[in-house]
Each structure stands twice: as C-alpha cells, then as structure tokens.
Amino acid sequence: MKLDSPKVSVDKSAQEVFDFLSNVENFEKLMPENISKFEVLGEGKFIFGLSGMPEITLEKKEVEAPNKIVLGAAGGKIDFSLTGHITEIAESQSEVQLIFSGDFNPMMAMMIKGPINKFLETLTRNIPTAI
C-alpha cells in the first residue's frame, strides 16, 4: 500500500526543511492535536501515540541531504516507511511531500487507509508553520 500526501510549499530552502525533518524531536510539532504520547528514544528514533491507535516507533533509515528522509518502523509486527521528499523550487522556497509505504493484507489496508491519509495530511499541513 502506498499513500501520498498533498505537496506543500514552504518558504524555506530545501536544506532548512531537510535539517528540520532530520531532527526527530521536531516531529512532535507536526503531530495532530489528538497526540497522546511523544518521546525521543535516541538519536534518530522516537515513539508516538495517537488517541485510539497503537503506539508507533519510527527511526531514521535513510537520508539523502537535502532531498530525502526515510523513517521506518522500528520493531513491531508491521513493516512500513514514511518518506519525505523535498524539492527546491527557489533559493528560499521548497516543496515537501510525504509518502507512506507498507505491505499490509487487504483487510488491514482497508482499515488503516483513511486514518493514515488523514495523518499524512496533518503532518504536511503543519510543516510550513512549524519550521
């Protein structure tokens, strides 16, 4: 299953956006209002929980400065990734899109597609104001 967020324009350079997203502590600023837990577990690793959903641990898996950051599931039964693509439009403007990828059975995919789409939209909508 692959879900793409809407692209969002940010009045910062690609490097500034990359630096912000590279620091996992900053993801707390992007989270939805119904966040029930956020804790940094170490360099490049954090756990978060949203009301009514299980806690999820993410860690940095891959970085390609200043255009790509990949966070992946750290342990757990489900393997998925969250990739941030950053495109420089001008010296002080860039575009960001988040892509969620995971291998789920059809029943699970049907159940989580809506909440994950909403989650991705919230993260991307919060990026321009958080940086």
N, C-alpha and C. Protein backbone atom coordinates (compact mmCIF):
# COMPACT_ATOMS: atom_id res chain seq x y z
N MET A 1 0.85 -1.17 0.00
CA MET A 1 0.00 0.00 0.00
C MET A 1 0.90 1.23 0.00
N LYS A 2 0.56 2.18 -0.86
CA LYS A 2 1.32 3.42 -0.95
C LYS A 2 0.34 4.58 -0.91
N LEU A 3 0.60 5.53 -0.01
CA LEU A 3 -0.25 6.71 0.12
C LEU A 3 0.61 7.95 0.03
N ASP A 4 0.19 8.91 -0.79
CA ASP A 4 0.93 10.16 -0.97
C ASP A 4 0.17 11.30 -0.32
N SER A 5 0.89 12.14 0.40
CA SER A 5 0.28 13.35 0.96
C SER A 5 0.19 14.39 -0.14
N PRO A 6 -0.62 15.42 0.08
CA PRO A 6 -0.57 16.54 -0.86
C PRO A 6 0.80 17.21 -0.75
N LYS A 7 1.26 17.83 -1.83
CA LYS A 7 2.51 18.59 -1.78
C LYS A 7 2.22 19.92 -1.11
N VAL A 8 3.19 20.36 -0.29
CA VAL A 8 3.00 21.62 0.41
C VAL A 8 4.23 22.51 0.14
N SER A 9 3.95 23.80 -0.09
CA SER A 9 5.01 24.76 -0.35
C SER A 9 5.48 25.37 0.97
N VAL A 10 6.80 25.50 1.11
CA VAL A 10 7.41 26.03 2.33
C VAL A 10 8.35 27.17 1.95
N ASP A 11 8.25 28.27 2.67
CA ASP A 11 9.11 29.43 2.39
C ASP A 11 10.45 29.29 3.10
N LYS A 12 11.11 28.18 2.87
CA LYS A 12 12.44 27.88 3.41
C LYS A 12 13.19 27.11 2.33
N SER A 13 14.52 27.15 2.41
CA SER A 13 15.32 26.39 1.45
C SER A 13 15.15 24.90 1.69
N ALA A 14 15.50 24.10 0.71
CA ALA A 14 15.42 22.64 0.86
C ALA A 14 16.31 22.19 2.01
N GLN A 15 17.45 22.82 2.18
CA GLN A 15 18.37 22.44 3.27
C GLN A 15 17.75 22.73 4.63
N GLU A 16 17.07 23.86 4.77
CA GLU A 16 16.42 24.20 6.04
C GLU A 16 15.31 23.20 6.38
N VAL A 17 14.54 22.83 5.37
CA VAL A 17 13.47 21.85 5.58
C VAL A 17 14.08 20.49 5.93
N PHE A 18 15.12 20.11 5.20
CA PHE A 18 15.80 18.85 5.48
C PHE A 18 16.35 18.82 6.91
N ASP A 19 17.00 19.89 7.32
CA ASP A 19 17.54 19.97 8.67
C ASP A 19 16.45 19.83 9.72
N PHE A 20 15.31 20.47 9.48
CA PHE A 20 14.18 20.39 10.42
C PHE A 20 13.67 18.95 10.53
N LEU A 21 13.44 18.32 9.38
CA LEU A 21 12.90 16.95 9.38
C LEU A 21 13.94 15.92 9.83
N SER A 22 15.21 16.24 9.74
CA SER A 22 16.27 15.32 10.17
C SER A 22 16.33 15.20 11.69
N ASN A 23 15.84 16.21 12.39
CA ASN A 23 15.82 16.19 13.84
C ASN A 23 14.47 15.60 14.28
N VAL A 24 14.48 14.34 14.72
CA VAL A 24 13.21 13.66 15.03
C VAL A 24 12.41 14.35 16.13
N GLU A 25 13.07 15.13 16.98
CA GLU A 25 12.34 15.87 18.02
C GLU A 25 11.31 16.81 17.41
N ASN A 26 11.60 17.31 16.21
CA ASN A 26 10.70 18.26 15.55
C ASN A 26 9.39 17.63 15.09
N PHE A 27 9.33 16.31 14.99
CA PHE A 27 8.09 15.67 14.55
C PHE A 27 6.95 15.89 15.55
N GLU A 28 7.30 16.18 16.80
CA GLU A 28 6.25 16.47 17.79
C GLU A 28 5.46 17.71 17.36
N LYS A 29 6.13 18.68 16.74
CA LYS A 29 5.47 19.92 16.29
C LYS A 29 4.53 19.67 15.11
N LEU A 30 4.71 18.54 14.43
CA LEU A 30 3.90 18.24 13.24
C LEU A 30 2.70 17.37 13.56
N MET A 31 2.68 16.78 14.73
CA MET A 31 1.66 15.80 15.09
C MET A 31 0.26 16.42 15.21
N PRO A 32 -0.77 15.59 15.00
CA PRO A 32 -2.15 16.05 15.17
C PRO A 32 -2.44 16.42 16.63
N GLU A 33 -3.54 17.11 16.84
CA GLU A 33 -3.93 17.53 18.18
C GLU A 33 -4.21 16.35 19.12
N ASN A 34 -4.64 15.22 18.55
CA ASN A 34 -5.01 14.08 19.41
C ASN A 34 -3.82 13.21 19.78
N ILE A 35 -2.63 13.79 19.80
CA ILE A 35 -1.44 13.02 20.19
C ILE A 35 -1.52 12.74 21.70
N SER A 36 -1.27 11.49 22.06
CA SER A 36 -1.33 11.11 23.47
C SER A 36 0.06 10.83 24.04
N LYS A 37 1.05 10.63 23.15
CA LYS A 37 2.40 10.36 23.61
C LYS A 37 3.39 10.74 22.52
N PHE A 38 4.51 11.32 22.93
CA PHE A 38 5.64 11.56 22.03
C PHE A 38 6.89 11.52 22.88
N GLU A 39 7.82 10.66 22.51
CA GLU A 39 9.05 10.53 23.28
C GLU A 39 10.21 10.18 22.35
N VAL A 40 11.30 10.94 22.46
CA VAL A 40 12.50 10.63 21.70
C VAL A 40 13.23 9.51 22.43
N LEU A 41 13.54 8.44 21.70
CA LEU A 41 14.17 7.26 22.30
C LEU A 41 15.67 7.23 22.10
N GLY A 42 16.18 8.10 21.28
CA GLY A 42 17.61 8.13 21.00
C GLY A 42 17.86 8.87 19.71
N GLU A 43 19.10 8.86 19.28
CA GLU A 43 19.48 9.53 18.04
C GLU A 43 18.67 8.98 16.86
N GLY A 44 17.79 9.81 16.31
CA GLY A 44 17.04 9.40 15.13
C GLY A 44 15.91 8.43 15.38
N LYS A 45 15.41 8.33 16.61
CA LYS A 45 14.36 7.35 16.92
C LYS A 45 13.35 7.94 17.91
N PHE A 46 12.05 7.75 17.62
CA PHE A 46 11.03 8.25 18.53
C PHE A 46 9.80 7.35 18.51
N ILE A 47 8.99 7.50 19.55
CA ILE A 47 7.74 6.75 19.66
C ILE A 47 6.63 7.78 19.83
N PHE A 48 5.49 7.51 19.20
CA PHE A 48 4.35 8.39 19.38
C PHE A 48 3.07 7.58 19.43
N GLY A 49 2.07 8.16 20.03
CA GLY A 49 0.77 7.53 20.11
C GLY A 49 -0.31 8.56 19.85
N LEU A 50 -1.33 8.14 19.13
CA LEU A 50 -2.50 8.98 18.90
C LEU A 50 -3.69 8.31 19.58
N SER A 51 -4.60 9.10 20.08
CA SER A 51 -5.75 8.56 20.77
C SER A 51 -6.46 7.51 19.90
N GLY A 52 -6.70 6.35 20.49
CA GLY A 52 -7.42 5.29 19.79
C GLY A 52 -6.58 4.45 18.85
N MET A 53 -5.27 4.69 18.81
CA MET A 53 -4.40 3.91 17.92
C MET A 53 -3.21 3.38 18.73
N PRO A 54 -2.62 2.27 18.27
CA PRO A 54 -1.45 1.74 18.98
C PRO A 54 -0.25 2.69 18.82
N GLU A 55 0.68 2.62 19.78
CA GLU A 55 1.90 3.43 19.70
C GLU A 55 2.78 2.92 18.57
N ILE A 56 3.48 3.85 17.93
CA ILE A 56 4.32 3.52 16.78
C ILE A 56 5.72 4.06 17.03
N THR A 57 6.72 3.23 16.79
CA THR A 57 8.11 3.65 16.93
C THR A 57 8.71 3.80 15.53
N LEU A 58 9.30 4.97 15.28
CA LEU A 58 9.93 5.25 14.00
C LEU A 58 11.40 5.60 14.22
N GLU A 59 12.23 5.22 13.24
CA GLU A 59 13.64 5.60 13.29
C GLU A 59 14.11 5.97 11.90
N LYS A 60 15.13 6.83 11.87
CA LYS A 60 15.71 7.24 10.59
C LYS A 60 16.37 6.03 9.95
N LYS A 61 16.02 5.75 8.70
CA LYS A 61 16.58 4.63 7.97
C LYS A 61 17.53 5.08 6.86
N GLU A 62 17.20 6.23 6.27
CA GLU A 62 17.98 6.68 5.11
C GLU A 62 17.87 8.20 5.00
N VAL A 63 18.97 8.85 4.66
CA VAL A 63 18.96 10.30 4.42
C VAL A 63 19.77 10.61 3.17
N GLU A 64 19.24 11.49 2.35
CA GLU A 64 19.92 11.99 1.17
C GLU A 64 19.77 13.51 1.18
N ALA A 65 20.70 14.18 1.85
CA ALA A 65 20.61 15.64 2.00
C ALA A 65 20.70 16.32 0.65
N PRO A 66 19.92 17.34 0.41
CA PRO A 66 18.81 17.86 1.20
C PRO A 66 17.45 17.46 0.65
N ASN A 67 17.37 16.30 -0.02
CA ASN A 67 16.13 15.98 -0.74
C ASN A 67 15.28 14.83 -0.21
N LYS A 68 15.81 14.01 0.68
CA LYS A 68 15.03 12.83 1.07
C LYS A 68 15.39 12.36 2.47
N ILE A 69 14.34 12.03 3.23
CA ILE A 69 14.50 11.44 4.55
C ILE A 69 13.52 10.27 4.64
N VAL A 70 14.01 9.11 5.06
CA VAL A 70 13.16 7.94 5.20
C VAL A 70 13.14 7.51 6.67
N LEU A 71 11.94 7.47 7.22
CA LEU A 71 11.73 6.94 8.56
C LEU A 71 11.05 5.59 8.40
N GLY A 72 11.45 4.62 9.20
CA GLY A 72 10.85 3.31 9.09
C GLY A 72 10.43 2.79 10.44
N ALA A 73 9.59 1.78 10.42
CA ALA A 73 9.14 1.14 11.65
C ALA A 73 10.34 0.54 12.36
N ALA A 74 10.39 0.75 13.66
CA ALA A 74 11.48 0.20 14.48
C ALA A 74 10.88 -0.91 15.33
N GLY A 75 11.00 -2.12 14.85
CA GLY A 75 10.40 -3.24 15.58
C GLY A 75 8.91 -3.32 15.29
N GLY A 76 8.23 -4.10 16.06
CA GLY A 76 6.80 -4.26 15.83
C GLY A 76 6.53 -5.30 14.76
N LYS A 77 5.26 -5.57 14.54
CA LYS A 77 4.86 -6.63 13.62
C LYS A 77 4.63 -6.14 12.20
N ILE A 78 4.55 -4.83 12.03
CA ILE A 78 4.23 -4.27 10.72
C ILE A 78 5.42 -3.47 10.19
N ASP A 79 5.81 -3.76 8.95
CA ASP A 79 6.93 -3.06 8.33
C ASP A 79 6.38 -1.99 7.39
N PHE A 80 6.77 -0.74 7.63
CA PHE A 80 6.34 0.35 6.77
C PHE A 80 7.37 1.47 6.82
N SER A 81 7.25 2.41 5.91
CA SER A 81 8.15 3.56 5.90
C SER A 81 7.38 4.84 5.61
N LEU A 82 7.96 5.94 6.07
CA LEU A 82 7.44 7.27 5.82
C LEU A 82 8.59 8.06 5.20
N THR A 83 8.42 8.45 3.94
CA THR A 83 9.48 9.12 3.20
C THR A 83 9.10 10.57 2.95
N GLY A 84 10.01 11.46 3.28
CA GLY A 84 9.82 12.88 2.99
C GLY A 84 10.65 13.26 1.78
N HIS A 85 9.97 13.74 0.75
CA HIS A 85 10.66 14.21 -0.46
C HIS A 85 10.64 15.73 -0.45
N ILE A 86 11.81 16.34 -0.56
CA ILE A 86 11.96 17.78 -0.51
C ILE A 86 12.53 18.25 -1.86
N THR A 87 11.82 19.17 -2.50
CA THR A 87 12.25 19.69 -3.79
C THR A 87 12.45 21.18 -3.68
N GLU A 88 13.63 21.65 -4.07
CA GLU A 88 13.89 23.09 -4.03
C GLU A 88 13.24 23.74 -5.24
N ILE A 89 12.42 24.77 -4.98
CA ILE A 89 11.75 25.50 -6.05
C ILE A 89 12.54 26.76 -6.37
N ALA A 90 13.02 27.43 -5.32
CA ALA A 90 13.84 28.64 -5.44
C ALA A 90 14.81 28.62 -4.27
N GLU A 91 15.66 29.62 -4.19
CA GLU A 91 16.67 29.65 -3.13
C GLU A 91 16.06 29.57 -1.73
N SER A 92 14.92 30.21 -1.55
CA SER A 92 14.29 30.20 -0.23
C SER A 92 12.87 29.66 -0.28
N GLN A 93 12.63 28.72 -1.17
CA GLN A 93 11.31 28.08 -1.25
C GLN A 93 11.47 26.64 -1.70
N SER A 94 10.73 25.76 -1.04
CA SER A 94 10.78 24.35 -1.41
C SER A 94 9.40 23.73 -1.30
N GLU A 95 9.32 22.51 -1.76
CA GLU A 95 8.06 21.77 -1.76
C GLU A 95 8.32 20.44 -1.05
N VAL A 96 7.38 20.03 -0.20
CA VAL A 96 7.53 18.80 0.56
C VAL A 96 6.34 17.89 0.31
N GLN A 97 6.63 16.60 0.17
CA GLN A 97 5.58 15.59 0.08
C GLN A 97 6.00 14.39 0.91
N LEU A 98 5.05 13.85 1.68
CA LEU A 98 5.30 12.66 2.48
C LEU A 98 4.64 11.47 1.80
N ILE A 99 5.33 10.34 1.80
CA ILE A 99 4.82 9.12 1.19
C ILE A 99 4.90 7.99 2.20
N PHE A 100 3.78 7.34 2.44
CA PHE A 100 3.70 6.20 3.33
C PHE A 100 3.68 4.94 2.49
N SER A 101 4.54 3.98 2.82
CA SER A 101 4.57 2.69 2.10
C SER A 101 4.58 1.56 3.12
N GLY A 102 3.76 0.57 2.88
CA GLY A 102 3.73 -0.59 3.77
C GLY A 102 3.11 -1.77 3.07
N ASP A 103 3.45 -2.94 3.56
CA ASP A 103 2.92 -4.17 3.00
C ASP A 103 1.89 -4.74 3.97
N PHE A 104 0.61 -4.58 3.63
CA PHE A 104 -0.47 -4.99 4.51
C PHE A 104 -1.41 -5.93 3.77
N ASN A 105 -2.06 -6.80 4.53
CA ASN A 105 -3.08 -7.64 3.90
C ASN A 105 -4.26 -6.73 3.55
N PRO A 106 -5.11 -7.15 2.61
CA PRO A 106 -6.19 -6.27 2.12
C PRO A 106 -7.13 -5.77 3.22
N MET A 107 -7.43 -6.62 4.20
CA MET A 107 -8.33 -6.21 5.28
C MET A 107 -7.70 -5.10 6.12
N MET A 108 -6.43 -5.28 6.49
CA MET A 108 -5.71 -4.28 7.28
C MET A 108 -5.59 -2.99 6.49
N ALA A 109 -5.24 -3.09 5.21
CA ALA A 109 -5.09 -1.90 4.37
C ALA A 109 -6.38 -1.10 4.32
N MET A 110 -7.50 -1.78 4.21
CA MET A 110 -8.80 -1.11 4.15
C MET A 110 -9.08 -0.37 5.46
N MET A 111 -8.72 -0.96 6.58
CA MET A 111 -8.99 -0.36 7.89
C MET A 111 -8.10 0.85 8.17
N ILE A 112 -6.85 0.83 7.72
CA ILE A 112 -5.92 1.90 8.10
C ILE A 112 -5.75 2.98 7.05
N LYS A 113 -6.26 2.77 5.85
CA LYS A 113 -6.05 3.73 4.76
C LYS A 113 -6.57 5.13 5.13
N GLY A 114 -7.77 5.23 5.62
CA GLY A 114 -8.36 6.53 5.99
C GLY A 114 -7.58 7.24 7.07
N PRO A 115 -7.36 6.57 8.23
CA PRO A 115 -6.60 7.25 9.30
C PRO A 115 -5.18 7.65 8.89
N ILE A 116 -4.51 6.83 8.09
CA ILE A 116 -3.14 7.17 7.68
C ILE A 116 -3.15 8.34 6.70
N ASN A 117 -4.11 8.37 5.78
CA ASN A 117 -4.24 9.51 4.88
C ASN A 117 -4.44 10.81 5.66
N LYS A 118 -5.31 10.77 6.65
CA LYS A 118 -5.58 11.95 7.47
C LYS A 118 -4.32 12.36 8.24
N PHE A 119 -3.58 11.38 8.76
CA PHE A 119 -2.35 11.63 9.49
C PHE A 119 -1.32 12.30 8.58
N LEU A 120 -1.14 11.78 7.37
CA LEU A 120 -0.19 12.36 6.41
C LEU A 120 -0.56 13.81 6.07
N GLU A 121 -1.85 14.04 5.86
CA GLU A 121 -2.31 15.39 5.53
C GLU A 121 -2.02 16.36 6.67
N THR A 122 -2.22 15.90 7.91
CA THR A 122 -1.95 16.75 9.07
C THR A 122 -0.47 17.08 9.17
N LEU A 123 0.38 16.06 9.02
CA LEU A 123 1.83 16.29 9.09
C LEU A 123 2.26 17.32 8.05
N THR A 124 1.85 17.14 6.80
CA THR A 124 2.28 18.05 5.74
C THR A 124 1.69 19.44 5.93
N ARG A 125 0.46 19.53 6.37
CA ARG A 125 -0.18 20.83 6.59
C ARG A 125 0.56 21.62 7.68
N ASN A 126 1.13 20.91 8.66
CA ASN A 126 1.81 21.57 9.78
C ASN A 126 3.26 21.96 9.47
N ILE A 127 3.85 21.41 8.41
CA ILE A 127 5.26 21.70 8.11
C ILE A 127 5.54 23.18 7.89
N PRO A 128 4.78 23.89 7.04
CA PRO A 128 5.13 25.30 6.78
C PRO A 128 5.12 26.18 8.03
N THR A 129 4.23 25.92 8.96
CA THR A 129 4.16 26.77 10.16
C THR A 129 5.11 26.32 11.26
N ALA A 130 5.54 25.07 11.23
CA ALA A 130 6.41 24.54 12.29
C ALA A 130 7.87 24.91 12.10
N ILE A 131 8.28 25.11 10.86
CA ILE A 131 9.71 25.39 10.60
C ILE A 131 10.03 26.84 10.86
